[in-house]
């Protein structure tokens, strides 16, 4: 904490979920998702849904940490995300149209 006080402050702030309302969640990419075959930058997940994708777990088990904007989303990916509960619900509905949100 002494060497990296900004990191410690961030973790402390992020863990105060009742104040900041941040959640870390995974959003599954189903077969009907409009995101399949689309680069992360072209999904507008961050700009339109106020959600940050911090990782992608591929169906085969590969984990991509801090995916680049050019990373293509594939069917059965699990997007590891940070955002508010409301924003994550909206993203999950958009990522999987017709599927009931489980939150």
Protein backbone atom coordinates (compact mmCIF):
# COMPACT_ATOMS: atom_id res chain seq x y z
CA UNK A 1 0.00 0.00 0.00
CA UNK A 2 2.88 2.34 0.71
CA UNK A 3 4.46 1.77 -2.67
CA UNK A 4 1.25 1.95 -4.71
CA UNK A 5 -1.27 4.08 -2.82
CA UNK A 6 -3.39 4.82 -5.89
CA UNK A 7 -3.93 1.09 -6.46
CA UNK A 8 -4.90 0.60 -2.82
CA UNK A 9 -7.29 3.58 -3.01
CA UNK A 10 -8.89 2.20 -6.17
CA UNK A 11 -9.42 -1.26 -4.67
CA UNK A 12 -10.88 0.27 -1.51
CA UNK A 13 -13.23 2.47 -3.54
CA UNK A 14 -14.26 -0.36 -5.87
CA UNK A 15 -15.09 -2.61 -2.93
CA UNK A 16 -17.50 -0.03 -1.52
CA UNK A 17 -20.25 -1.30 -3.82
CA UNK A 18 -23.10 0.45 -2.02
CA UNK A 19 -21.50 3.78 -2.87
CA UNK A 20 -19.96 3.09 -6.24
CA UNK A 21 -22.46 0.46 -7.44
CA UNK A 22 -19.84 -1.47 -9.40
CA UNK A 23 -20.09 -5.17 -10.07
CA UNK A 24 -17.75 -7.58 -11.79
CA UNK A 25 -19.84 -9.98 -13.83
CA UNK A 26 -19.63 -12.26 -16.82
CA UNK A 27 -21.87 -11.85 -19.82
CA UNK A 28 -22.30 -15.01 -21.88
CA UNK A 29 -22.44 -14.69 -25.66
CA UNK A 30 -25.20 -16.96 -26.93
CA UNK A 31 -25.86 -18.18 -30.45
CA UNK A 32 -28.29 -15.33 -31.22
CA UNK A 33 -25.99 -12.54 -30.02
CA UNK A 34 -25.49 -9.62 -32.40
CA UNK A 35 -21.92 -9.34 -31.04
CA UNK A 36 -20.72 -12.59 -32.66
CA UNK A 37 -18.02 -11.88 -35.24
CA UNK A 38 -17.81 -8.22 -34.22
CA UNK A 39 -14.69 -6.46 -32.94
CA UNK A 40 -14.98 -5.23 -29.37
CA UNK A 41 -14.57 -1.62 -30.54
CA UNK A 42 -17.54 -1.95 -32.89
CA UNK A 43 -19.93 -3.23 -30.20
CA UNK A 44 -20.01 0.14 -28.43
CA UNK A 45 -20.24 -1.75 -25.12
CA UNK A 46 -18.27 0.92 -23.30
CA UNK A 47 -19.71 4.02 -24.94
CA UNK A 48 -23.37 2.95 -25.08
CA UNK A 49 -23.64 0.71 -22.02
CA UNK A 50 -21.02 2.24 -19.71
CA UNK A 51 -19.49 -1.20 -19.16
CA UNK A 52 -15.79 -2.07 -19.32
CA UNK A 53 -14.70 -5.46 -20.70
CA UNK A 54 -11.65 -6.52 -18.68
CA UNK A 55 -11.34 -10.03 -20.06
CA UNK A 56 -12.78 -12.61 -22.41
CA UNK A 57 -12.89 -16.31 -21.67
CA UNK A 58 -13.10 -18.31 -24.87
CA UNK A 59 -15.22 -21.47 -25.09
CA UNK A 60 -12.00 -23.52 -25.31
CA UNK A 61 -10.78 -22.11 -21.99
CA UNK A 62 -8.33 -19.45 -23.22
CA UNK A 63 -8.50 -16.27 -21.12
CA UNK A 64 -7.73 -12.96 -22.78
CA UNK A 65 -6.90 -10.30 -20.21
CA UNK A 66 -7.43 -6.67 -21.17
CA UNK A 67 -8.60 -7.53 -24.70
CA UNK A 68 -7.68 -5.08 -27.43
CA UNK A 69 -10.34 -3.10 -29.23
CA UNK A 70 -9.75 -5.30 -32.30
CA UNK A 71 -10.55 -8.56 -30.47
CA UNK A 72 -13.38 -10.38 -32.25
CA UNK A 73 -16.18 -11.71 -30.05
CA UNK A 74 -17.04 -15.35 -30.65
CA UNK A 75 -20.09 -17.47 -29.87
CA UNK A 76 -19.92 -18.95 -26.34
CA UNK A 77 -17.41 -16.33 -25.16
CA UNK A 78 -17.84 -15.06 -21.61
CA UNK A 79 -17.11 -11.35 -21.35
CA UNK A 80 -15.69 -10.44 -17.94
CA UNK A 81 -17.07 -6.98 -17.27
CA UNK A 82 -17.24 -4.14 -14.75
CA UNK A 83 -20.24 -1.85 -14.51
CA UNK A 84 -23.32 -0.95 -12.54
CA UNK A 85 -26.02 -3.56 -12.01
CA UNK A 86 -28.40 -1.68 -14.31
CA UNK A 87 -25.82 -1.33 -17.11
CA UNK A 88 -24.80 -4.99 -16.88
CA UNK A 89 -28.44 -6.09 -17.14
CA UNK A 90 -28.93 -3.93 -20.23
CA UNK A 91 -25.78 -5.34 -21.81
CA UNK A 92 -26.84 -8.92 -21.10
CA UNK A 93 -30.25 -8.29 -22.69
CA UNK A 94 -28.58 -6.83 -25.77
CA UNK A 95 -25.98 -9.61 -25.97
CA UNK A 96 -28.65 -12.30 -25.74
CA UNK A 97 -31.93 -11.10 -27.24
CA UNK A 98 -34.93 -13.16 -26.21
CA UNK A 99 -33.16 -14.73 -23.24
CA UNK A 100 -34.32 -13.88 -19.73
CA UNK A 101 -31.75 -11.94 -17.70
CA UNK A 102 -30.66 -13.97 -14.66
CA UNK A 103 -29.71 -11.16 -12.28
